[in-house]
């Protein structure tokens, strides 16, 4: 991101042992202490859920726009299956089960949140019988369709490819700059580009 004129910082947390409220409160404190305004936030997978939980608990004045990638904002069928297997339950940590028990987050309506979903079904989710299509191999597209999002886009990537996909990076930066994802221009005389 530095080569594109952006500075970035990582917010790390112990995902296996930290409670959801604790992680969200820590993120709010990190944003408050950063000093930069506006400070945009990008979260992948559970990280996106943490960001929304933080926004439901705090009102960070320094926060700009938010992009979440592959985040099960509306629940996770694959995680619920894994939670029923005692040997695998601990692999999900404490934060994700707490997220799944909560209602959809209610945040300030002026917050600009963009959601990127993937539709290449390659990943551990393939082990979950009957996982709905389309999905990114871990999270279904339907599970990312949070009603509070300003924009939502589906890209041809897997859950883990989102971390290094140039298309995801381009769309993330476009949303941070403009508050909407980039859509292909419609041909003259054709209907407008459809939102997926």
N, C-alpha and C. Protein backbone atom coordinates (compact mmCIF):
# COMPACT_ATOMS: atom_id res chain seq x y z
N UNK A 1 0.82 -1.19 0.00
CA UNK A 1 0.00 0.00 0.00
C UNK A 1 0.87 1.26 0.00
N UNK A 2 2.06 1.14 0.58
CA UNK A 2 2.94 2.30 0.63
C UNK A 2 3.29 2.79 -0.77
N UNK A 3 3.48 1.85 -1.71
CA UNK A 3 3.83 2.24 -3.08
C UNK A 3 2.67 2.96 -3.77
N UNK A 4 1.48 2.84 -3.23
CA UNK A 4 0.30 3.51 -3.78
C UNK A 4 -0.05 4.77 -3.00
N UNK A 5 0.82 5.17 -2.08
CA UNK A 5 0.61 6.41 -1.34
C UNK A 5 -0.15 6.26 -0.04
N UNK A 6 -0.33 5.06 0.43
CA UNK A 6 -1.07 4.81 1.67
C UNK A 6 -0.10 4.35 2.75
N UNK A 7 -0.31 4.81 3.96
CA UNK A 7 0.42 4.24 5.10
C UNK A 7 -0.56 3.32 5.83
N UNK A 8 -0.03 2.26 6.40
CA UNK A 8 -0.92 1.31 7.06
C UNK A 8 -0.30 0.80 8.35
N UNK A 9 -1.15 0.35 9.22
CA UNK A 9 -0.76 -0.28 10.49
C UNK A 9 -1.61 -1.51 10.68
N UNK A 10 -1.07 -2.47 11.39
CA UNK A 10 -1.83 -3.68 11.71
C UNK A 10 -2.29 -3.63 13.15
N UNK A 11 -3.47 -4.12 13.37
CA UNK A 11 -3.97 -4.30 14.74
C UNK A 11 -4.03 -5.79 14.97
N UNK A 12 -3.18 -6.28 15.84
CA UNK A 12 -3.14 -7.71 16.14
C UNK A 12 -3.81 -7.99 17.47
N UNK A 13 -4.41 -9.17 17.56
CA UNK A 13 -5.05 -9.58 18.81
C UNK A 13 -4.97 -11.09 18.91
N UNK A 14 -4.99 -11.61 20.12
CA UNK A 14 -4.93 -13.07 20.30
C UNK A 14 -6.30 -13.69 19.99
N UNK A 15 -6.50 -14.07 18.74
CA UNK A 15 -7.83 -14.48 18.29
C UNK A 15 -8.36 -15.73 18.97
N UNK A 16 -7.49 -16.57 19.49
CA UNK A 16 -7.97 -17.80 20.13
C UNK A 16 -8.42 -17.59 21.57
N UNK A 17 -7.79 -16.65 22.28
CA UNK A 17 -8.12 -16.53 23.70
C UNK A 17 -8.81 -15.23 24.09
N UNK A 18 -8.80 -14.23 23.22
CA UNK A 18 -9.40 -12.94 23.58
C UNK A 18 -10.91 -12.97 23.36
N UNK A 19 -11.64 -12.32 24.26
CA UNK A 19 -13.10 -12.20 24.13
C UNK A 19 -13.42 -11.12 23.10
N UNK A 20 -14.58 -11.25 22.45
CA UNK A 20 -14.98 -10.31 21.41
C UNK A 20 -15.02 -8.87 21.90
N UNK A 21 -15.62 -8.64 23.07
CA UNK A 21 -15.69 -7.27 23.61
C UNK A 21 -14.30 -6.72 23.85
N UNK A 22 -13.41 -7.54 24.38
CA UNK A 22 -12.04 -7.12 24.67
C UNK A 22 -11.31 -6.71 23.39
N UNK A 23 -11.46 -7.49 22.34
CA UNK A 23 -10.80 -7.20 21.07
C UNK A 23 -11.37 -5.91 20.46
N UNK A 24 -12.69 -5.76 20.49
CA UNK A 24 -13.33 -4.57 19.93
C UNK A 24 -12.92 -3.32 20.71
N UNK A 25 -12.86 -3.41 22.02
CA UNK A 25 -12.45 -2.27 22.84
C UNK A 25 -11.00 -1.91 22.57
N UNK A 26 -10.15 -2.91 22.38
CA UNK A 26 -8.75 -2.65 22.05
C UNK A 26 -8.60 -1.96 20.71
N UNK A 27 -9.42 -2.35 19.73
CA UNK A 27 -9.39 -1.70 18.42
C UNK A 27 -9.81 -0.24 18.55
N UNK A 28 -10.86 0.02 19.31
CA UNK A 28 -11.31 1.41 19.52
C UNK A 28 -10.20 2.24 20.15
N UNK A 29 -9.49 1.68 21.12
CA UNK A 29 -8.39 2.40 21.77
C UNK A 29 -7.26 2.65 20.78
N UNK A 30 -6.96 1.68 19.93
CA UNK A 30 -5.90 1.85 18.93
C UNK A 30 -6.25 2.95 17.94
N UNK A 31 -7.52 3.02 17.53
CA UNK A 31 -7.96 4.07 16.62
C UNK A 31 -7.85 5.43 17.30
N UNK A 32 -8.28 5.52 18.55
CA UNK A 32 -8.23 6.79 19.29
C UNK A 32 -6.81 7.28 19.48
N UNK A 33 -5.87 6.36 19.67
CA UNK A 33 -4.49 6.76 19.93
C UNK A 33 -3.68 6.99 18.67
N UNK A 34 -4.22 6.65 17.50
CA UNK A 34 -3.46 6.76 16.26
C UNK A 34 -3.18 8.21 15.88
N UNK A 35 -4.10 9.10 16.19
CA UNK A 35 -3.88 10.51 15.91
C UNK A 35 -4.15 10.93 14.48
N UNK A 36 -4.24 10.00 13.55
CA UNK A 36 -4.50 10.34 12.15
C UNK A 36 -6.00 10.46 11.93
N UNK A 37 -6.38 11.43 11.11
CA UNK A 37 -7.79 11.61 10.80
C UNK A 37 -7.94 11.91 9.33
N UNK A 38 -8.81 11.31 8.61
CA UNK A 38 -9.55 10.14 9.06
C UNK A 38 -8.68 8.88 9.01
N UNK A 39 -8.99 7.95 9.84
CA UNK A 39 -8.29 6.66 9.87
C UNK A 39 -9.27 5.62 9.33
N UNK A 40 -8.95 5.09 8.15
CA UNK A 40 -9.79 4.06 7.55
C UNK A 40 -9.40 2.70 8.12
N UNK A 41 -10.34 1.77 8.16
CA UNK A 41 -10.08 0.44 8.73
C UNK A 41 -10.51 -0.62 7.72
N UNK A 42 -9.64 -1.63 7.57
CA UNK A 42 -9.91 -2.77 6.69
C UNK A 42 -9.80 -4.03 7.54
N UNK A 43 -10.79 -4.91 7.45
CA UNK A 43 -10.76 -6.16 8.21
C UNK A 43 -11.10 -7.35 7.34
N UNK A 44 -10.39 -8.45 7.55
CA UNK A 44 -10.65 -9.68 6.80
C UNK A 44 -11.26 -10.73 7.73
N UNK A 45 -12.26 -11.43 7.26
CA UNK A 45 -12.88 -12.54 7.96
C UNK A 45 -13.38 -12.10 9.34
N UNK A 46 -12.92 -12.74 10.40
CA UNK A 46 -13.35 -12.36 11.75
C UNK A 46 -12.96 -10.91 12.06
N UNK A 47 -11.87 -10.43 11.46
CA UNK A 47 -11.45 -9.05 11.68
C UNK A 47 -12.54 -8.06 11.29
N UNK A 48 -13.27 -8.34 10.21
CA UNK A 48 -14.38 -7.47 9.82
C UNK A 48 -15.51 -7.50 10.84
N UNK A 49 -15.76 -8.66 11.42
CA UNK A 49 -16.78 -8.77 12.47
C UNK A 49 -16.36 -7.97 13.70
N UNK A 50 -15.07 -8.01 14.02
CA UNK A 50 -14.55 -7.23 15.15
C UNK A 50 -14.77 -5.75 14.91
N UNK A 51 -14.51 -5.29 13.68
CA UNK A 51 -14.69 -3.87 13.36
C UNK A 51 -16.15 -3.46 13.56
N UNK A 52 -17.09 -4.26 13.05
CA UNK A 52 -18.50 -3.90 13.24
C UNK A 52 -18.92 -3.96 14.70
N UNK A 53 -18.40 -4.93 15.44
CA UNK A 53 -18.72 -5.01 16.87
C UNK A 53 -18.17 -3.77 17.59
N UNK A 54 -16.98 -3.34 17.19
CA UNK A 54 -16.40 -2.13 17.78
C UNK A 54 -17.29 -0.92 17.48
N UNK A 55 -17.79 -0.83 16.24
CA UNK A 55 -18.65 0.30 15.88
C UNK A 55 -19.99 0.28 16.61
N UNK A 56 -20.45 -0.90 17.00
CA UNK A 56 -21.69 -1.00 17.77
C UNK A 56 -21.47 -0.58 19.23
N UNK A 57 -20.22 -0.66 19.71
CA UNK A 57 -19.91 -0.34 21.11
C UNK A 57 -19.31 1.05 21.30
N UNK A 58 -18.69 1.60 20.25
CA UNK A 58 -17.94 2.85 20.37
C UNK A 58 -18.30 3.80 19.23
N UNK A 59 -17.97 5.06 19.41
CA UNK A 59 -18.19 6.09 18.40
C UNK A 59 -16.86 6.78 18.10
N UNK A 60 -15.92 6.10 17.44
CA UNK A 60 -14.60 6.69 17.23
C UNK A 60 -14.64 7.88 16.27
N UNK A 61 -14.32 9.05 16.78
CA UNK A 61 -14.37 10.27 15.97
C UNK A 61 -13.36 10.24 14.84
N UNK A 62 -12.23 9.56 15.03
CA UNK A 62 -11.17 9.55 14.02
C UNK A 62 -11.45 8.61 12.87
N UNK A 63 -12.48 7.78 12.98
CA UNK A 63 -12.71 6.74 11.98
C UNK A 63 -13.28 7.29 10.69
N UNK A 64 -12.67 6.87 9.59
CA UNK A 64 -13.17 7.21 8.26
C UNK A 64 -14.04 6.08 7.74
N UNK A 65 -13.66 5.55 6.59
CA UNK A 65 -14.43 4.47 5.97
C UNK A 65 -13.92 3.10 6.41
N UNK A 66 -14.77 2.09 6.21
CA UNK A 66 -14.46 0.72 6.61
C UNK A 66 -14.70 -0.21 5.43
N UNK A 67 -13.76 -1.13 5.18
CA UNK A 67 -13.96 -2.20 4.21
C UNK A 67 -13.74 -3.52 4.93
N UNK A 68 -14.67 -4.45 4.75
CA UNK A 68 -14.50 -5.79 5.31
C UNK A 68 -14.52 -6.78 4.16
N UNK A 69 -13.65 -7.79 4.25
CA UNK A 69 -13.49 -8.78 3.19
C UNK A 69 -13.76 -10.17 3.74
N UNK A 70 -14.69 -10.89 3.13
CA UNK A 70 -14.96 -12.26 3.52
C UNK A 70 -15.41 -12.42 4.96
N UNK A 71 -16.09 -11.43 5.48
CA UNK A 71 -16.51 -11.45 6.88
C UNK A 71 -17.92 -12.01 7.01
N UNK A 72 -18.13 -12.99 7.89
CA UNK A 72 -19.47 -13.57 8.07
C UNK A 72 -20.34 -12.66 8.94
N UNK A 73 -20.70 -11.52 8.38
CA UNK A 73 -21.42 -10.49 9.14
C UNK A 73 -22.81 -10.94 9.56
N UNK A 74 -23.39 -11.88 8.82
CA UNK A 74 -24.75 -12.35 9.10
C UNK A 74 -24.75 -13.80 9.57
N UNK A 75 -23.68 -14.21 10.23
CA UNK A 75 -23.58 -15.58 10.73
C UNK A 75 -22.70 -16.44 9.84
N UNK A 76 -22.44 -17.66 10.28
CA UNK A 76 -21.57 -18.57 9.53
C UNK A 76 -22.03 -20.01 9.74
N UNK A 77 -22.60 -20.58 8.68
CA UNK A 77 -23.05 -21.97 8.76
C UNK A 77 -21.88 -22.91 9.00
N UNK A 78 -20.74 -22.66 8.33
CA UNK A 78 -19.59 -23.55 8.50
C UNK A 78 -19.05 -23.47 9.92
N UNK A 79 -19.00 -22.28 10.51
CA UNK A 79 -18.52 -22.15 11.89
C UNK A 79 -19.47 -22.86 12.86
N UNK A 80 -20.77 -22.77 12.60
CA UNK A 80 -21.73 -23.45 13.49
C UNK A 80 -21.55 -24.96 13.45
N UNK A 81 -21.22 -25.50 12.27
CA UNK A 81 -20.95 -26.94 12.16
C UNK A 81 -19.69 -27.28 12.95
N UNK A 82 -18.64 -26.49 12.78
CA UNK A 82 -17.37 -26.74 13.48
C UNK A 82 -17.55 -26.65 14.99
N UNK A 83 -18.39 -25.73 15.45
CA UNK A 83 -18.62 -25.57 16.89
C UNK A 83 -19.26 -26.81 17.51
N UNK A 84 -19.92 -27.63 16.70
CA UNK A 84 -20.54 -28.85 17.22
C UNK A 84 -19.55 -30.00 17.36
N UNK A 85 -18.32 -29.80 16.87
CA UNK A 85 -17.29 -30.85 16.95
C UNK A 85 -16.33 -30.48 18.07
N UNK A 86 -16.37 -31.19 19.20
CA UNK A 86 -15.57 -30.80 20.37
C UNK A 86 -14.08 -30.61 20.07
N UNK A 87 -13.50 -31.46 19.24
CA UNK A 87 -12.07 -31.34 18.96
C UNK A 87 -11.72 -30.11 18.13
N UNK A 88 -12.69 -29.59 17.37
CA UNK A 88 -12.44 -28.44 16.51
C UNK A 88 -12.91 -27.12 17.13
N UNK A 89 -13.80 -27.20 18.11
CA UNK A 89 -14.41 -26.00 18.69
C UNK A 89 -13.37 -24.98 19.15
N UNK A 90 -12.31 -25.45 19.78
CA UNK A 90 -11.29 -24.54 20.32
C UNK A 90 -10.49 -23.85 19.22
N UNK A 91 -10.47 -24.41 18.02
CA UNK A 91 -9.74 -23.79 16.91
C UNK A 91 -10.38 -22.48 16.48
N UNK A 92 -11.65 -22.27 16.81
CA UNK A 92 -12.33 -21.03 16.44
C UNK A 92 -12.10 -19.91 17.45
N UNK A 93 -11.52 -20.22 18.60
CA UNK A 93 -11.27 -19.19 19.59
C UNK A 93 -12.54 -18.76 20.32
N UNK A 94 -12.44 -17.62 21.02
CA UNK A 94 -13.57 -17.13 21.82
C UNK A 94 -14.40 -16.08 21.08
N UNK A 95 -13.77 -15.32 20.20
CA UNK A 95 -14.46 -14.18 19.59
C UNK A 95 -15.52 -14.61 18.59
N UNK A 96 -15.23 -15.58 17.72
CA UNK A 96 -16.20 -15.96 16.69
C UNK A 96 -17.48 -16.55 17.29
N UNK A 97 -17.40 -17.49 18.24
CA UNK A 97 -18.66 -17.98 18.83
C UNK A 97 -19.48 -16.85 19.47
N UNK A 98 -18.81 -15.90 20.10
CA UNK A 98 -19.53 -14.76 20.69
C UNK A 98 -20.22 -13.94 19.61
N UNK A 99 -19.54 -13.74 18.47
CA UNK A 99 -20.13 -12.99 17.36
C UNK A 99 -21.39 -13.70 16.85
N UNK A 100 -21.32 -15.02 16.74
CA UNK A 100 -22.45 -15.78 16.19
C UNK A 100 -23.67 -15.74 17.10
N UNK A 101 -23.47 -15.47 18.38
CA UNK A 101 -24.58 -15.42 19.34
C UNK A 101 -25.26 -14.05 19.36
N UNK A 102 -24.67 -13.05 18.71
CA UNK A 102 -25.18 -11.69 18.77
C UNK A 102 -26.17 -11.42 17.64
N UNK A 103 -27.08 -10.47 17.84
CA UNK A 103 -27.90 -10.02 16.72
C UNK A 103 -27.02 -9.20 15.77
N UNK A 104 -27.53 -8.92 14.59
CA UNK A 104 -26.78 -8.09 13.64
C UNK A 104 -26.43 -6.77 14.30
N UNK A 105 -25.21 -6.27 14.09
CA UNK A 105 -24.81 -5.04 14.75
C UNK A 105 -25.58 -3.83 14.24
N UNK A 106 -25.87 -2.93 15.14
CA UNK A 106 -26.53 -1.68 14.80
C UNK A 106 -25.50 -0.57 15.04
N UNK A 107 -25.11 0.10 13.96
CA UNK A 107 -24.10 1.15 14.08
C UNK A 107 -24.69 2.47 13.60
N UNK A 108 -23.94 3.55 13.80
CA UNK A 108 -24.39 4.86 13.37
C UNK A 108 -24.66 4.84 11.86
N UNK A 109 -25.79 5.38 11.42
CA UNK A 109 -26.16 5.27 10.00
C UNK A 109 -25.22 6.00 9.05
N UNK A 110 -24.46 6.98 9.53
CA UNK A 110 -23.57 7.71 8.62
C UNK A 110 -22.27 6.97 8.35
N UNK A 111 -22.00 5.88 9.04
CA UNK A 111 -20.76 5.12 8.83
C UNK A 111 -20.78 4.46 7.45
N UNK A 112 -19.69 4.63 6.72
CA UNK A 112 -19.59 4.07 5.38
C UNK A 112 -18.83 2.75 5.44
N UNK A 113 -19.56 1.66 5.24
CA UNK A 113 -18.99 0.32 5.31
C UNK A 113 -19.17 -0.35 3.95
N UNK A 114 -18.06 -0.82 3.38
CA UNK A 114 -18.09 -1.58 2.14
C UNK A 114 -17.76 -3.03 2.42
N UNK A 115 -18.44 -3.94 1.74
CA UNK A 115 -18.26 -5.38 1.96
C UNK A 115 -17.83 -6.05 0.66
N UNK A 116 -16.72 -6.78 0.73
CA UNK A 116 -16.25 -7.58 -0.40
C UNK A 116 -16.44 -9.05 -0.06
N UNK A 117 -17.10 -9.77 -0.96
CA UNK A 117 -17.30 -11.22 -0.82
C UNK A 117 -16.58 -11.92 -1.96
N UNK A 118 -16.27 -13.19 -1.75
CA UNK A 118 -15.67 -14.00 -2.80
C UNK A 118 -16.61 -15.11 -3.22
N UNK A 119 -16.43 -15.60 -4.46
CA UNK A 119 -17.30 -16.68 -4.92
C UNK A 119 -16.54 -17.85 -5.55
N UNK A 120 -15.26 -18.03 -5.16
CA UNK A 120 -14.51 -19.21 -5.59
C UNK A 120 -14.49 -20.19 -4.43
N UNK A 121 -15.25 -21.28 -4.51
CA UNK A 121 -15.46 -22.17 -3.36
C UNK A 121 -14.33 -23.17 -3.12
N UNK A 122 -13.17 -22.64 -2.76
CA UNK A 122 -12.03 -23.49 -2.45
C UNK A 122 -11.59 -23.17 -1.03
N UNK A 123 -11.63 -24.16 -0.13
CA UNK A 123 -11.23 -23.93 1.25
C UNK A 123 -11.84 -24.97 2.17
N UNK A 124 -11.62 -24.78 3.45
CA UNK A 124 -12.10 -25.75 4.45
C UNK A 124 -13.61 -25.89 4.49
N UNK A 125 -14.31 -24.87 4.03
CA UNK A 125 -15.76 -24.93 4.01
C UNK A 125 -16.30 -26.05 3.13
N UNK A 126 -15.47 -26.54 2.23
CA UNK A 126 -15.89 -27.66 1.37
C UNK A 126 -16.15 -28.91 2.20
N UNK A 127 -15.58 -28.96 3.39
CA UNK A 127 -15.80 -30.11 4.26
C UNK A 127 -17.15 -30.05 4.98
N UNK A 128 -17.80 -28.90 4.89
CA UNK A 128 -19.10 -28.71 5.53
C UNK A 128 -20.20 -29.14 4.56
N UNK A 129 -20.94 -30.18 4.90
CA UNK A 129 -21.98 -30.65 3.98
C UNK A 129 -23.05 -29.60 3.74
N UNK A 130 -23.43 -29.46 2.47
CA UNK A 130 -24.54 -28.57 2.13
C UNK A 130 -24.25 -27.09 2.23
N UNK A 131 -22.97 -26.69 2.18
CA UNK A 131 -22.66 -25.27 2.25
C UNK A 131 -23.27 -24.56 1.05
N UNK A 132 -24.01 -23.50 1.32
CA UNK A 132 -24.73 -22.78 0.27
C UNK A 132 -23.77 -22.17 -0.75
N UNK A 133 -24.23 -22.09 -1.97
CA UNK A 133 -23.50 -21.44 -3.06
C UNK A 133 -24.16 -20.08 -3.31
N UNK A 134 -23.41 -19.12 -3.78
CA UNK A 134 -21.96 -19.10 -3.93
C UNK A 134 -21.28 -18.87 -2.58
N UNK A 135 -20.00 -19.28 -2.52
CA UNK A 135 -19.21 -19.06 -1.31
C UNK A 135 -17.74 -18.95 -1.69
N UNK A 136 -16.93 -18.51 -0.73
CA UNK A 136 -15.49 -18.33 -0.97
C UNK A 136 -14.67 -19.49 -0.43
N UNK A 137 -15.33 -20.58 -0.08
CA UNK A 137 -14.66 -21.73 0.51
C UNK A 137 -14.75 -21.74 2.02
N UNK A 138 -15.19 -20.64 2.62
CA UNK A 138 -15.37 -20.55 4.07
C UNK A 138 -16.67 -19.83 4.45
N UNK A 139 -16.97 -18.78 3.71
CA UNK A 139 -18.11 -17.90 4.03
C UNK A 139 -18.98 -17.78 2.78
N UNK A 140 -20.29 -17.93 2.94
CA UNK A 140 -21.17 -17.77 1.78
C UNK A 140 -21.37 -16.29 1.48
N UNK A 141 -21.68 -16.01 0.23
CA UNK A 141 -21.96 -14.62 -0.16
C UNK A 141 -23.14 -14.09 0.65
N UNK A 142 -24.16 -14.91 0.86
CA UNK A 142 -25.33 -14.48 1.64
C UNK A 142 -24.94 -14.06 3.05
N UNK A 143 -23.95 -14.73 3.64
CA UNK A 143 -23.52 -14.40 5.01
C UNK A 143 -22.78 -13.06 5.08
N UNK A 144 -22.39 -12.52 3.93
CA UNK A 144 -21.70 -11.22 3.91
C UNK A 144 -22.66 -10.06 3.65
N UNK A 145 -23.89 -10.35 3.31
CA UNK A 145 -24.83 -9.30 2.90
C UNK A 145 -25.47 -8.62 4.12
N UNK A 146 -24.66 -7.84 4.80
CA UNK A 146 -25.12 -7.10 5.97
C UNK A 146 -25.95 -5.89 5.50
N UNK A 147 -27.17 -5.71 6.01
CA UNK A 147 -28.04 -4.64 5.51
C UNK A 147 -27.53 -3.23 5.78
N UNK A 148 -26.59 -3.05 6.69
CA UNK A 148 -26.07 -1.72 6.97
C UNK A 148 -24.94 -1.28 6.06
N UNK A 149 -24.54 -2.14 5.12
CA UNK A 149 -23.42 -1.80 4.23
C UNK A 149 -23.82 -0.73 3.23
N UNK A 150 -22.89 0.16 2.94
CA UNK A 150 -23.14 1.17 1.92
C UNK A 150 -23.02 0.56 0.52
N UNK A 151 -22.10 -0.40 0.37
CA UNK A 151 -21.92 -1.07 -0.92
C UNK A 151 -21.43 -2.49 -0.67
N UNK A 152 -21.67 -3.35 -1.63
CA UNK A 152 -21.31 -4.77 -1.54
C UNK A 152 -20.90 -5.22 -2.93
N UNK A 153 -19.81 -5.97 -3.02
CA UNK A 153 -19.35 -6.47 -4.31
C UNK A 153 -18.84 -7.90 -4.14
N UNK A 154 -19.02 -8.70 -5.17
CA UNK A 154 -18.55 -10.09 -5.18
C UNK A 154 -17.44 -10.20 -6.21
N UNK A 155 -16.30 -10.74 -5.79
CA UNK A 155 -15.15 -10.91 -6.68
C UNK A 155 -14.81 -12.39 -6.81
N UNK A 156 -14.17 -12.79 -7.91
CA UNK A 156 -13.83 -14.20 -8.13
C UNK A 156 -12.57 -14.62 -7.37
N UNK A 157 -12.67 -14.66 -6.05
CA UNK A 157 -11.55 -15.02 -5.18
C UNK A 157 -12.01 -15.98 -4.10
N UNK A 158 -11.05 -16.72 -3.53
CA UNK A 158 -11.33 -17.57 -2.37
C UNK A 158 -11.18 -16.73 -1.11
N UNK A 159 -11.53 -17.33 0.00
CA UNK A 159 -11.44 -16.64 1.29
C UNK A 159 -10.01 -16.15 1.56
N UNK A 160 -9.03 -17.00 1.34
CA UNK A 160 -7.65 -16.61 1.63
C UNK A 160 -7.03 -15.77 0.52
N UNK A 161 -7.46 -15.93 -0.73
CA UNK A 161 -6.93 -15.11 -1.82
C UNK A 161 -7.21 -13.62 -1.61
N UNK A 162 -8.24 -13.31 -0.84
CA UNK A 162 -8.56 -11.91 -0.60
C UNK A 162 -7.38 -11.14 -0.02
N UNK A 163 -6.52 -11.85 0.71
CA UNK A 163 -5.40 -11.20 1.39
C UNK A 163 -4.34 -10.69 0.43
N UNK A 164 -4.23 -11.28 -0.77
CA UNK A 164 -3.20 -10.83 -1.72
C UNK A 164 -3.76 -10.53 -3.10
N UNK A 165 -5.04 -10.56 -3.28
CA UNK A 165 -5.66 -10.30 -4.58
C UNK A 165 -5.52 -8.83 -4.98
N UNK A 166 -5.00 -8.59 -6.18
CA UNK A 166 -4.88 -7.21 -6.67
C UNK A 166 -6.27 -6.62 -6.90
N UNK A 167 -7.24 -7.44 -7.30
CA UNK A 167 -8.61 -6.93 -7.48
C UNK A 167 -9.21 -6.49 -6.15
N UNK A 168 -8.97 -7.26 -5.09
CA UNK A 168 -9.48 -6.87 -3.77
C UNK A 168 -8.80 -5.59 -3.29
N UNK A 169 -7.50 -5.48 -3.51
CA UNK A 169 -6.78 -4.26 -3.11
C UNK A 169 -7.32 -3.06 -3.87
N UNK A 170 -7.49 -3.20 -5.18
CA UNK A 170 -8.00 -2.09 -5.99
C UNK A 170 -9.39 -1.66 -5.51
N UNK A 171 -10.26 -2.63 -5.27
CA UNK A 171 -11.62 -2.30 -4.82
C UNK A 171 -11.61 -1.69 -3.42
N UNK A 172 -10.75 -2.21 -2.55
CA UNK A 172 -10.64 -1.66 -1.19
C UNK A 172 -10.23 -0.20 -1.24
N UNK A 173 -9.17 0.10 -2.00
CA UNK A 173 -8.69 1.48 -2.09
C UNK A 173 -9.72 2.39 -2.76
N UNK A 174 -10.44 1.87 -3.74
CA UNK A 174 -11.47 2.67 -4.39
C UNK A 174 -12.57 3.04 -3.39
N UNK A 175 -12.98 2.08 -2.57
CA UNK A 175 -14.00 2.38 -1.56
C UNK A 175 -13.47 3.38 -0.54
N UNK A 176 -12.23 3.21 -0.10
CA UNK A 176 -11.67 4.15 0.88
C UNK A 176 -11.60 5.56 0.31
N UNK A 177 -11.33 5.67 -0.99
CA UNK A 177 -11.26 6.99 -1.64
C UNK A 177 -12.64 7.59 -1.92
N UNK A 178 -13.60 6.75 -2.36
CA UNK A 178 -14.85 7.26 -2.92
C UNK A 178 -16.12 6.86 -2.16
N UNK A 179 -16.03 5.89 -1.26
CA UNK A 179 -17.22 5.45 -0.53
C UNK A 179 -18.10 4.49 -1.31
N UNK A 180 -17.63 4.04 -2.46
CA UNK A 180 -18.33 3.05 -3.29
C UNK A 180 -17.29 2.20 -3.98
N UNK A 181 -17.67 0.99 -4.38
CA UNK A 181 -16.77 0.16 -5.15
C UNK A 181 -16.80 0.57 -6.61
N UNK A 182 -15.74 0.22 -7.31
CA UNK A 182 -15.63 0.54 -8.73
C UNK A 182 -16.46 -0.44 -9.54
N UNK A 183 -17.28 0.09 -10.42
CA UNK A 183 -18.12 -0.74 -11.29
C UNK A 183 -17.73 -0.49 -12.74
N UNK A 184 -17.83 -1.53 -13.57
CA UNK A 184 -17.55 -1.31 -14.99
C UNK A 184 -18.56 -0.34 -15.58
N UNK A 185 -18.09 0.51 -16.47
CA UNK A 185 -18.99 1.45 -17.12
C UNK A 185 -19.93 0.69 -18.05
N UNK A 186 -21.18 1.09 -18.07
CA UNK A 186 -22.15 0.46 -18.96
C UNK A 186 -21.92 0.93 -20.38
N UNK A 187 -22.10 0.04 -21.34
CA UNK A 187 -21.97 0.41 -22.75
C UNK A 187 -23.10 1.37 -23.11
N UNK A 188 -22.86 2.27 -24.08
CA UNK A 188 -23.92 3.19 -24.49
C UNK A 188 -25.19 2.43 -24.88
N UNK A 189 -26.31 2.86 -24.35
CA UNK A 189 -27.59 2.23 -24.65
C UNK A 189 -27.90 0.99 -23.82
N UNK A 190 -26.91 0.53 -23.03
CA UNK A 190 -27.13 -0.66 -22.21
C UNK A 190 -27.59 -0.24 -20.82
N UNK A 191 -28.30 -1.12 -20.13
CA UNK A 191 -28.68 -0.80 -18.75
C UNK A 191 -27.43 -0.59 -17.89
N UNK A 192 -27.57 0.11 -16.78
CA UNK A 192 -26.43 0.38 -15.89
C UNK A 192 -25.83 -0.90 -15.34
N UNK A 193 -24.60 -0.79 -14.88
CA UNK A 193 -23.91 -1.95 -14.30
C UNK A 193 -24.69 -2.44 -13.09
N UNK A 194 -24.88 -3.72 -13.02
CA UNK A 194 -25.66 -4.30 -11.91
C UNK A 194 -24.80 -4.49 -10.68
N UNK A 195 -25.36 -4.26 -9.52
CA UNK A 195 -24.69 -4.57 -8.27
C UNK A 195 -24.97 -6.02 -7.95
N UNK A 196 -23.94 -6.74 -7.54
CA UNK A 196 -24.12 -8.15 -7.21
C UNK A 196 -24.37 -8.31 -5.74
